[in-house]
């Protein structure tokens, strides 16, 4: 970088329409005189810029993947620590059957793992761009294949089947995948922000001094990293849309759409990296209130266990009748503001089908977690397999 006057390159590039022209001019000045005739031979300006973009993309993906590994490590720890921490499952924002916080963290982990796999595959497949003036490499003649291979080897890029000057699905796959990654991180951030609501209060981002304080309400501790991650994801999606919109390029060199990438692609990397970084901070510092999670399960008066009660009754009553009976008992519990357990113990049909102990067992949230432990263990193992031997130990 010390060899180049960056502001001068910017000024000259604005006049030329591409940074490649002043860059090649400066490179020609820097090499020995006998080598100057070979600088930029056979290549075109877009070859220079697209290849540079692939090198930058590789570094950017490396950095984002490293942050994702941090997200994964933290989520794996949370999933294992809280594999039995019962909390309400929520569908359409309402209490459903109980889950554990470990399962929720395992979902976060699974998402991070999938992003790591996909981004790693993209990074390993980044291609060289070398097509010459109109994508034929005619200027290199019979040497074209050999030169392409040597340049790709030198730079650690893949040799594509053919140049991709206006085949922008190459870069759209990268930016689209980063938008998905940022969106996956925003899902985690949203879960945490919703769990910080006063009436929920199941977890917080952490207790860093002055973090999330309100300018007017001394009691408040607002989410800080969560909204930043969500905002970054939306900005990522917007920038990625610019690249998607640029897939329709004119003939062998785009008019404007390629140029729009010069702003949009860096924005995608910057915003998506921000989303991952913020979520890593969330999951590494998260504070979980186990007691509040259990209290929120119980606050529903046991109604979240209605499905479990149906299952317990199905063997003797059949599912249709069991569902009808439990629906009736739930209606009574809601109407009379009593716990489902009390209403079930007082119902003649249920008492005739189940013993008091069986009723209590059916209505115990920790007894109705299904395959939770297997799901959590599988997600953690998948992540550790990806990380390699000794990961997470």
Protein backbone atom coordinates (compact mmCIF):
# COMPACT_ATOMS: atom_id res chain seq x y z
CA UNK A 1 0.00 0.00 0.00
CA UNK A 2 2.94 2.33 0.62
CA UNK A 3 3.76 2.07 -3.07
CA UNK A 4 0.45 3.62 -4.07
CA UNK A 5 -1.09 7.04 -3.57
CA UNK A 6 -4.61 5.88 -2.74
CA UNK A 7 -6.30 9.31 -3.02
CA UNK A 8 -4.64 9.77 -6.40
CA UNK A 9 -5.86 6.35 -7.55
CA UNK A 10 -9.38 7.31 -6.47
CA UNK A 11 -9.26 10.57 -8.41
CA UNK A 12 -7.85 8.99 -11.54
CA UNK A 13 -10.20 6.03 -11.26
CA UNK A 14 -13.20 8.34 -11.14
CA UNK A 15 -12.09 9.87 -14.43
CA UNK A 16 -11.22 6.53 -16.06
CA UNK A 17 -14.34 4.75 -14.83
CA UNK A 18 -12.34 2.03 -13.07
CA UNK A 19 -9.50 1.86 -10.56
CA UNK A 20 -7.77 -0.76 -12.68
CA UNK A 21 -6.49 1.76 -15.21
CA UNK A 22 -4.50 4.02 -12.83
CA UNK A 23 -3.47 0.91 -10.86
CA UNK A 24 -1.99 -0.77 -13.95
CA UNK A 25 -0.28 2.47 -14.89
CA UNK A 26 1.36 2.67 -11.47
CA UNK A 27 2.32 -1.02 -11.49
CA UNK A 28 3.99 -0.54 -14.86
CA UNK A 29 6.08 2.27 -13.38
CA UNK A 30 7.15 0.09 -10.45
CA UNK A 31 8.49 -2.95 -12.33
CA UNK A 32 11.86 -3.12 -14.15
CA UNK A 33 11.79 -1.65 -17.63
CA UNK A 34 12.30 -5.01 -19.32
CA UNK A 35 9.15 -6.35 -17.62
CA UNK A 36 6.85 -3.45 -18.39
CA UNK A 37 5.66 -4.86 -21.68
CA UNK A 38 4.20 -7.85 -19.84
CA UNK A 39 2.15 -5.96 -17.26
CA UNK A 40 -1.59 -6.54 -17.74
CA UNK A 41 -0.96 -8.58 -20.90
CA UNK A 42 -4.12 -10.36 -22.00
CA UNK A 43 -6.20 -9.14 -19.07
CA UNK A 44 -8.92 -6.52 -18.91
CA UNK A 45 -9.85 -4.09 -16.16
CA UNK A 46 -12.65 -6.30 -14.88
CA UNK A 47 -10.23 -9.22 -14.57
CA UNK A 48 -8.17 -7.15 -12.16
CA UNK A 49 -11.09 -5.95 -10.08
CA UNK A 50 -13.02 -9.22 -9.94
CA UNK A 51 -9.92 -11.19 -9.00
CA UNK A 52 -9.11 -8.66 -6.30
CA UNK A 53 -12.70 -9.00 -5.11
CA UNK A 54 -12.30 -12.76 -4.79
CA UNK A 55 -9.15 -12.32 -2.71
CA UNK A 56 -10.94 -9.83 -0.48
CA UNK A 57 -13.95 -12.13 -0.24
CA UNK A 58 -11.71 -14.95 0.94
CA UNK A 59 -10.30 -12.79 3.73
CA UNK A 60 -13.75 -11.50 4.61
CA UNK A 61 -15.25 -14.98 4.76
CA UNK A 62 -12.35 -16.15 6.91
CA UNK A 63 -13.07 -13.38 9.41
CA UNK A 64 -16.82 -14.00 9.47
CA UNK A 65 -16.32 -17.75 9.87
CA UNK A 66 -14.07 -17.15 12.85
CA UNK A 67 -16.78 -15.05 14.50
CA UNK A 68 -19.32 -17.76 13.69
CA UNK A 69 -17.13 -20.32 15.43
CA UNK A 70 -17.27 -18.12 18.50
CA UNK A 71 -21.06 -18.02 18.25
CA UNK A 72 -21.11 -21.79 17.91
CA UNK A 73 -18.83 -22.42 20.88
CA UNK A 74 -20.98 -20.25 23.13
CA UNK A 75 -24.23 -21.80 21.90
CA UNK A 76 -22.85 -25.32 22.36
CA UNK A 77 -22.01 -24.47 25.95
CA UNK A 78 -25.46 -23.02 26.57
CA UNK A 79 -27.17 -26.01 24.97
CA UNK A 80 -25.31 -28.47 27.18
CA UNK A 81 -25.62 -26.42 30.36
CA UNK A 82 -29.36 -25.89 29.94
CA UNK A 83 -30.38 -29.19 28.36
CA UNK A 84 -32.92 -29.67 31.19
CA UNK A 85 -33.80 -26.01 31.92
CA UNK A 86 -37.55 -26.03 31.26
CA UNK A 87 -39.14 -22.97 29.67
CA UNK A 88 -42.27 -22.25 27.65
CA UNK A 89 -42.25 -23.15 24.01
CA UNK A 90 -43.91 -20.31 22.13
CA UNK A 91 -45.75 -20.61 18.83
CA UNK A 92 -47.36 -17.53 17.28
CA UNK A 93 -46.13 -15.72 20.43
CA UNK A 94 -48.32 -17.86 22.71
CA UNK A 95 -47.36 -20.62 25.12
CA UNK A 96 -47.26 -24.03 23.47
CA UNK A 97 -45.78 -27.20 24.96
CA UNK A 98 -42.70 -26.83 27.16
CA UNK A 99 -39.18 -26.92 25.76
CA UNK A 100 -35.81 -26.35 27.37
CA UNK A 101 -33.50 -23.42 26.94
CA UNK A 102 -30.90 -25.96 25.90
CA UNK A 103 -33.08 -26.85 22.91
CA UNK A 104 -33.45 -23.19 21.96
CA UNK A 105 -29.68 -22.73 22.17
CA UNK A 106 -29.25 -25.91 20.11
CA UNK A 107 -31.35 -24.33 17.37
CA UNK A 108 -29.05 -21.31 17.46
CA UNK A 109 -26.08 -23.65 17.30
CA UNK A 110 -27.51 -25.59 14.37
CA UNK A 111 -27.98 -22.37 12.45
CA UNK A 112 -24.40 -21.25 13.11
CA UNK A 113 -23.12 -24.67 12.07
CA UNK A 114 -25.00 -24.59 8.78
CA UNK A 115 -23.66 -21.13 7.99
CA UNK A 116 -20.12 -22.29 8.73
CA UNK A 117 -20.48 -25.24 6.38
CA UNK A 118 -21.94 -23.18 3.55
CA UNK A 119 -19.57 -20.22 3.84
CA UNK A 120 -16.61 -22.60 3.99
CA UNK A 121 -17.75 -24.26 0.77
CA UNK A 122 -18.11 -20.87 -0.90
CA UNK A 123 -14.66 -19.77 0.26
CA UNK A 124 -13.03 -22.89 -1.17
CA UNK A 125 -14.77 -22.36 -4.54
CA UNK A 126 -13.89 -18.70 -5.17
CA UNK A 127 -12.81 -18.45 -8.83
CA UNK A 128 -10.16 -16.51 -10.69
CA UNK A 129 -11.38 -13.97 -13.21
CA UNK A 130 -9.26 -13.89 -16.37
CA UNK A 131 -11.06 -13.50 -19.66
CA UNK A 132 -9.52 -10.56 -21.46
CA UNK A 133 -11.36 -7.96 -23.46
CA UNK A 134 -14.56 -9.88 -24.27
CA UNK A 135 -14.05 -13.14 -22.41
CA UNK A 136 -12.09 -15.07 -25.05
CA UNK A 137 -8.50 -14.57 -23.80
CA UNK A 138 -7.56 -14.17 -27.45
CA UNK A 139 -4.59 -11.94 -26.58
CA UNK A 140 -2.85 -14.85 -24.85
CA UNK A 141 -3.32 -17.23 -27.74
CA UNK A 142 -2.11 -20.76 -27.09
CA UNK A 143 -0.72 -19.72 -23.69
CA UNK A 144 -4.16 -18.86 -22.31
CA UNK A 145 -4.83 -22.12 -20.46
CA UNK A 146 -1.37 -22.34 -18.96
CA UNK A 147 -1.33 -18.72 -17.82
CA UNK A 148 -4.78 -19.06 -16.27
CA UNK A 149 -3.71 -22.11 -14.31
CA UNK A 150 -0.49 -20.53 -13.06
CA UNK A 151 -2.22 -17.32 -11.97
CA UNK A 152 -4.93 -19.28 -10.16
CA UNK A 153 -2.32 -21.42 -8.38
CA UNK A 154 -0.35 -18.35 -7.37
CA UNK A 155 -3.43 -16.69 -5.88
CA UNK A 156 -5.03 -19.81 -4.43
CA UNK A 157 -8.21 -19.43 -6.48
CA UNK A 158 -10.20 -21.95 -8.52
CA UNK A 159 -9.88 -22.05 -12.31
CA UNK A 160 -13.44 -21.54 -13.59
CA UNK A 161 -14.81 -23.32 -16.63
CA UNK A 162 -14.91 -19.97 -18.40
CA UNK A 163 -14.68 -16.27 -17.51
CA UNK A 164 -17.68 -14.87 -15.65
CA UNK A 165 -17.63 -11.15 -16.46
CA UNK A 166 -21.41 -10.93 -16.73
CA UNK A 167 -22.25 -14.22 -15.01
CA UNK A 168 -22.70 -12.54 -11.65
CA UNK A 169 -24.30 -15.50 -9.93
CA UNK A 170 -20.74 -16.13 -8.70
CA UNK A 171 -20.74 -13.08 -6.46
CA UNK A 172 -24.50 -13.21 -5.87
CA UNK A 173 -24.06 -16.62 -4.21
CA UNK A 174 -21.57 -15.06 -1.81
CA UNK A 175 -23.61 -11.98 -0.96
CA UNK A 176 -26.85 -13.95 -0.79
CA UNK A 177 -25.29 -16.45 1.58
CA UNK A 178 -24.00 -13.66 3.79
CA UNK A 179 -27.48 -12.15 3.87
CA UNK A 180 -28.80 -15.54 5.02
CA UNK A 181 -26.07 -15.71 7.65
CA UNK A 182 -26.94 -12.25 8.92
CA UNK A 183 -30.62 -13.17 8.99
CA UNK A 184 -29.86 -16.32 10.96
CA UNK A 185 -27.99 -14.20 13.48
CA UNK A 186 -30.91 -11.77 13.65
CA UNK A 187 -33.18 -14.68 14.60
CA UNK A 188 -30.96 -15.32 17.64
CA UNK A 189 -30.94 -11.64 18.51
CA UNK A 190 -34.72 -11.47 18.20
CA UNK A 191 -35.18 -14.45 20.53
CA UNK A 192 -33.05 -12.74 23.14
CA UNK A 193 -34.72 -9.34 22.76
CA UNK A 194 -38.19 -10.89 23.15
CA UNK A 195 -37.01 -12.80 26.20
CA UNK A 196 -35.86 -9.52 27.76
CA UNK A 197 -39.40 -8.10 27.76
CA UNK A 198 -40.43 -7.14 31.28
CA UNK A 199 -43.29 -9.63 31.44
CA UNK A 200 -41.01 -12.43 30.17
CA UNK A 201 -37.63 -11.59 31.76
CA UNK A 202 -36.04 -14.96 31.06
CA UNK A 203 -32.64 -13.72 29.94
CA UNK A 204 -30.57 -10.58 29.44
CA UNK A 205 -27.64 -9.63 27.25
CA UNK A 206 -25.42 -9.13 30.29
CA UNK A 207 -24.66 -6.49 32.88
CA UNK A 208 -21.88 -4.37 31.41
CA UNK A 209 -21.84 -1.01 33.16
CA UNK A 210 -24.20 1.49 31.52
CA UNK A 211 -25.23 -1.09 28.88
CA UNK A 212 -28.80 -0.48 27.77
CA UNK A 213 -29.62 2.26 30.23
CA UNK A 214 -32.45 4.62 29.41
CA UNK A 215 -31.98 8.38 29.25
CA UNK A 216 -35.26 8.92 31.13
CA UNK A 217 -36.20 5.70 32.97
CA UNK A 218 -33.61 4.60 35.55
CA UNK A 219 -35.06 1.11 35.96
CA UNK A 220 -34.63 0.06 32.33
CA UNK A 221 -31.95 -2.16 30.84
CA UNK A 222 -32.64 -2.21 27.13
CA UNK A 223 -31.20 -4.71 24.66
CA UNK A 224 -28.21 -3.18 22.90
CA UNK A 225 -26.52 -5.81 20.78
CA UNK A 226 -29.78 -7.45 19.72
CA UNK A 227 -31.22 -4.45 17.88
CA UNK A 228 -27.81 -3.76 16.36
CA UNK A 229 -27.67 -7.31 14.99
CA UNK A 230 -31.21 -7.12 13.64
CA UNK A 231 -30.51 -3.78 11.98
CA UNK A 232 -27.29 -5.13 10.47
CA UNK A 233 -29.17 -8.10 9.02
CA UNK A 234 -31.72 -5.86 7.35
CA UNK A 235 -28.98 -3.69 5.90
CA UNK A 236 -27.22 -6.81 4.65
CA UNK A 237 -30.37 -7.97 2.90
CA UNK A 238 -30.79 -4.57 1.28
CA UNK A 239 -27.24 -4.51 -0.05
CA UNK A 240 -27.50 -8.11 -1.25
CA UNK A 241 -30.62 -7.15 -3.19
CA UNK A 242 -28.52 -4.71 -5.21
CA UNK A 243 -26.30 -7.59 -6.30
CA UNK A 244 -29.30 -9.79 -7.10
CA UNK A 245 -30.79 -6.99 -9.15
CA UNK A 246 -27.54 -6.79 -11.07
CA UNK A 247 -27.74 -10.35 -12.35
CA UNK A 248 -29.30 -8.99 -15.53
CA UNK A 249 -26.14 -7.69 -17.19
CA UNK A 250 -25.71 -6.48 -20.73
CA UNK A 251 -23.91 -8.80 -23.16
CA UNK A 252 -20.21 -9.26 -22.28
CA UNK A 253 -19.77 -6.27 -19.96
CA UNK A 254 -22.38 -4.79 -17.69
CA UNK A 255 -23.46 -1.16 -17.78
CA UNK A 256 -23.97 0.04 -14.22
CA UNK A 257 -24.94 -3.20 -12.50
CA UNK A 258 -21.32 -4.34 -12.14
CA UNK A 259 -20.40 -0.87 -10.93
CA UNK A 260 -23.12 -0.99 -8.27
CA UNK A 261 -21.38 -4.03 -6.80
CA UNK A 262 -18.41 -1.86 -5.88
CA UNK A 263 -20.54 -0.34 -3.12
CA UNK A 264 -22.99 -3.15 -2.42
CA UNK A 265 -20.54 -6.03 -1.94
CA UNK A 266 -18.39 -4.29 0.68
CA UNK A 267 -21.60 -3.27 2.45
CA UNK A 268 -22.78 -6.89 2.54
CA UNK A 269 -19.53 -8.01 4.12
CA UNK A 270 -19.44 -5.15 6.59
CA UNK A 271 -23.04 -5.46 7.73
CA UNK A 272 -23.08 -9.26 7.91
CA UNK A 273 -19.85 -9.27 9.89
CA UNK A 274 -21.45 -6.79 12.27
CA UNK A 275 -24.49 -9.02 12.75
CA UNK A 276 -22.33 -12.03 13.59
CA UNK A 277 -20.07 -10.02 15.89
CA UNK A 278 -23.00 -8.60 17.85
CA UNK A 279 -24.60 -12.02 18.26
CA UNK A 280 -21.32 -13.49 19.43
CA UNK A 281 -21.27 -10.83 22.12
CA UNK A 282 -24.84 -11.71 23.08
CA UNK A 283 -24.37 -15.46 23.44
CA UNK A 284 -21.00 -15.16 25.16
CA UNK A 285 -22.39 -12.80 27.80
CA UNK A 286 -26.00 -13.94 28.09
CA UNK A 287 -27.51 -14.29 31.57
CA UNK A 288 -30.21 -16.93 31.95
CA UNK A 289 -32.86 -16.90 34.69
CA UNK A 290 -33.78 -20.56 35.20
CA UNK A 291 -36.30 -19.81 37.93
CA UNK A 292 -38.11 -17.28 35.80
CA UNK A 293 -38.30 -19.72 32.90
CA UNK A 294 -39.95 -22.33 35.11
CA UNK A 295 -42.22 -19.71 36.67
CA UNK A 296 -43.38 -18.67 33.20
CA UNK A 297 -44.26 -22.28 32.42
CA UNK A 298 -46.29 -22.50 35.62
CA UNK A 299 -47.87 -19.08 35.08
CA UNK A 300 -50.07 -20.55 32.38
CA UNK A 301 -51.93 -22.59 34.95
CA UNK A 302 -50.69 -25.83 33.47
CA UNK A 303 -52.50 -25.27 30.17
CA UNK A 304 -49.30 -25.84 28.21
CA UNK A 305 -49.54 -29.48 29.32
CA UNK A 306 -52.93 -30.04 27.68
CA UNK A 307 -51.41 -32.02 24.81
CA UNK A 308 -49.55 -34.23 27.28
CA UNK A 309 -52.81 -34.95 29.08
CA UNK A 310 -54.46 -35.86 25.77
CA UNK A 311 -51.59 -38.28 25.08
CA UNK A 312 -51.95 -39.86 28.51
CA UNK A 313 -55.69 -40.39 28.00
CA UNK A 314 -55.52 -41.62 24.41
CA UNK A 315 -54.68 -45.20 25.37
CA UNK A 316 -57.99 -45.67 27.20
CA UNK A 317 -60.28 -43.12 25.53
CA UNK A 318 -58.92 -42.79 21.99
CA UNK A 319 -57.49 -39.54 20.73
CA UNK A 320 -60.75 -37.90 19.59
CA UNK A 321 -62.52 -38.41 22.90
CA UNK A 322 -59.38 -37.58 24.89
CA UNK A 323 -59.04 -34.31 22.98
CA UNK A 324 -62.69 -33.43 23.63
CA UNK A 325 -62.44 -34.16 27.34
CA UNK A 326 -59.23 -32.18 27.80
CA UNK A 327 -60.61 -29.24 25.81
CA UNK A 328 -63.64 -29.21 28.13
CA UNK A 329 -61.42 -29.33 31.22
CA UNK A 330 -59.22 -26.53 29.84
CA UNK A 331 -62.28 -24.36 29.24
CA UNK A 332 -63.34 -24.91 32.84
CA UNK A 333 -59.85 -24.09 34.14
CA UNK A 334 -59.80 -20.82 32.20
CA UNK A 335 -63.37 -19.88 33.11
CA UNK A 336 -62.95 -20.59 36.82
CA UNK A 337 -59.32 -19.37 36.94
CA UNK A 338 -58.04 -22.61 38.40
CA UNK A 339 -55.01 -24.69 37.51
CA UNK A 340 -55.41 -27.43 34.90
CA UNK A 341 -54.08 -29.92 37.43
CA UNK A 342 -56.93 -29.11 39.83
CA UNK A 343 -59.53 -29.28 37.08
CA UNK A 344 -58.16 -32.61 35.82
CA UNK A 345 -58.19 -34.20 39.27
CA UNK A 346 -61.83 -33.13 39.70
CA UNK A 347 -63.02 -34.49 36.35
CA UNK A 348 -64.83 -37.83 36.61
CA UNK A 349 -63.81 -39.09 33.16
CA UNK A 350 -60.14 -38.33 33.70
CA UNK A 351 -60.21 -39.82 37.20
CA UNK A 352 -61.71 -42.95 35.75
CA UNK A 353 -58.96 -43.29 33.14
CA UNK A 354 -55.87 -42.22 35.11
CA UNK A 355 -54.68 -42.56 38.69
CA UNK A 356 -53.84 -39.36 40.62
CA UNK A 357 -50.15 -40.16 40.15
CA UNK A 358 -50.61 -40.61 36.40
CA UNK A 359 -52.44 -37.29 36.18
CA UNK A 360 -49.64 -35.53 38.02
CA UNK A 361 -47.00 -37.18 35.84
CA UNK A 362 -48.83 -36.17 32.67
CA UNK A 363 -48.96 -32.57 33.85
CA UNK A 364 -45.29 -32.31 34.86
CA UNK A 365 -43.48 -30.18 32.22
CA UNK A 366 -40.12 -31.92 32.66
CA UNK A 367 -41.72 -35.26 31.77
CA UNK A 368 -42.93 -34.06 28.37
CA UNK A 369 -39.77 -33.03 26.55
CA UNK A 370 -39.76 -35.76 23.91
CA UNK A 371 -36.51 -36.00 21.94
CA UNK A 372 -35.05 -32.81 23.38
CA UNK A 373 -31.93 -34.45 24.81
CA UNK A 374 -31.21 -36.25 21.55
CA UNK A 375 -31.71 -33.10 19.50
CA UNK A 376 -29.37 -31.10 21.72
CA UNK A 377 -26.68 -33.77 21.74
CA UNK A 378 -26.89 -34.11 17.97
CA UNK A 379 -26.51 -30.38 17.37
CA UNK A 380 -23.53 -30.15 19.69
CA UNK A 381 -21.87 -33.20 18.12
CA UNK A 382 -22.39 -31.84 14.60
CA UNK A 383 -20.69 -28.59 15.54
CA UNK A 384 -17.79 -30.34 17.24
CA UNK A 385 -17.36 -32.65 14.25
CA UNK A 386 -17.08 -29.57 12.05
CA UNK A 387 -14.56 -27.98 14.39
CA UNK A 388 -12.37 -31.08 14.35
CA UNK A 389 -10.74 -33.29 17.01
CA UNK A 390 -10.60 -31.76 20.46
CA UNK A 391 -13.12 -29.02 19.68
CA UNK A 392 -15.08 -27.87 22.68
CA UNK A 393 -12.93 -29.84 25.10
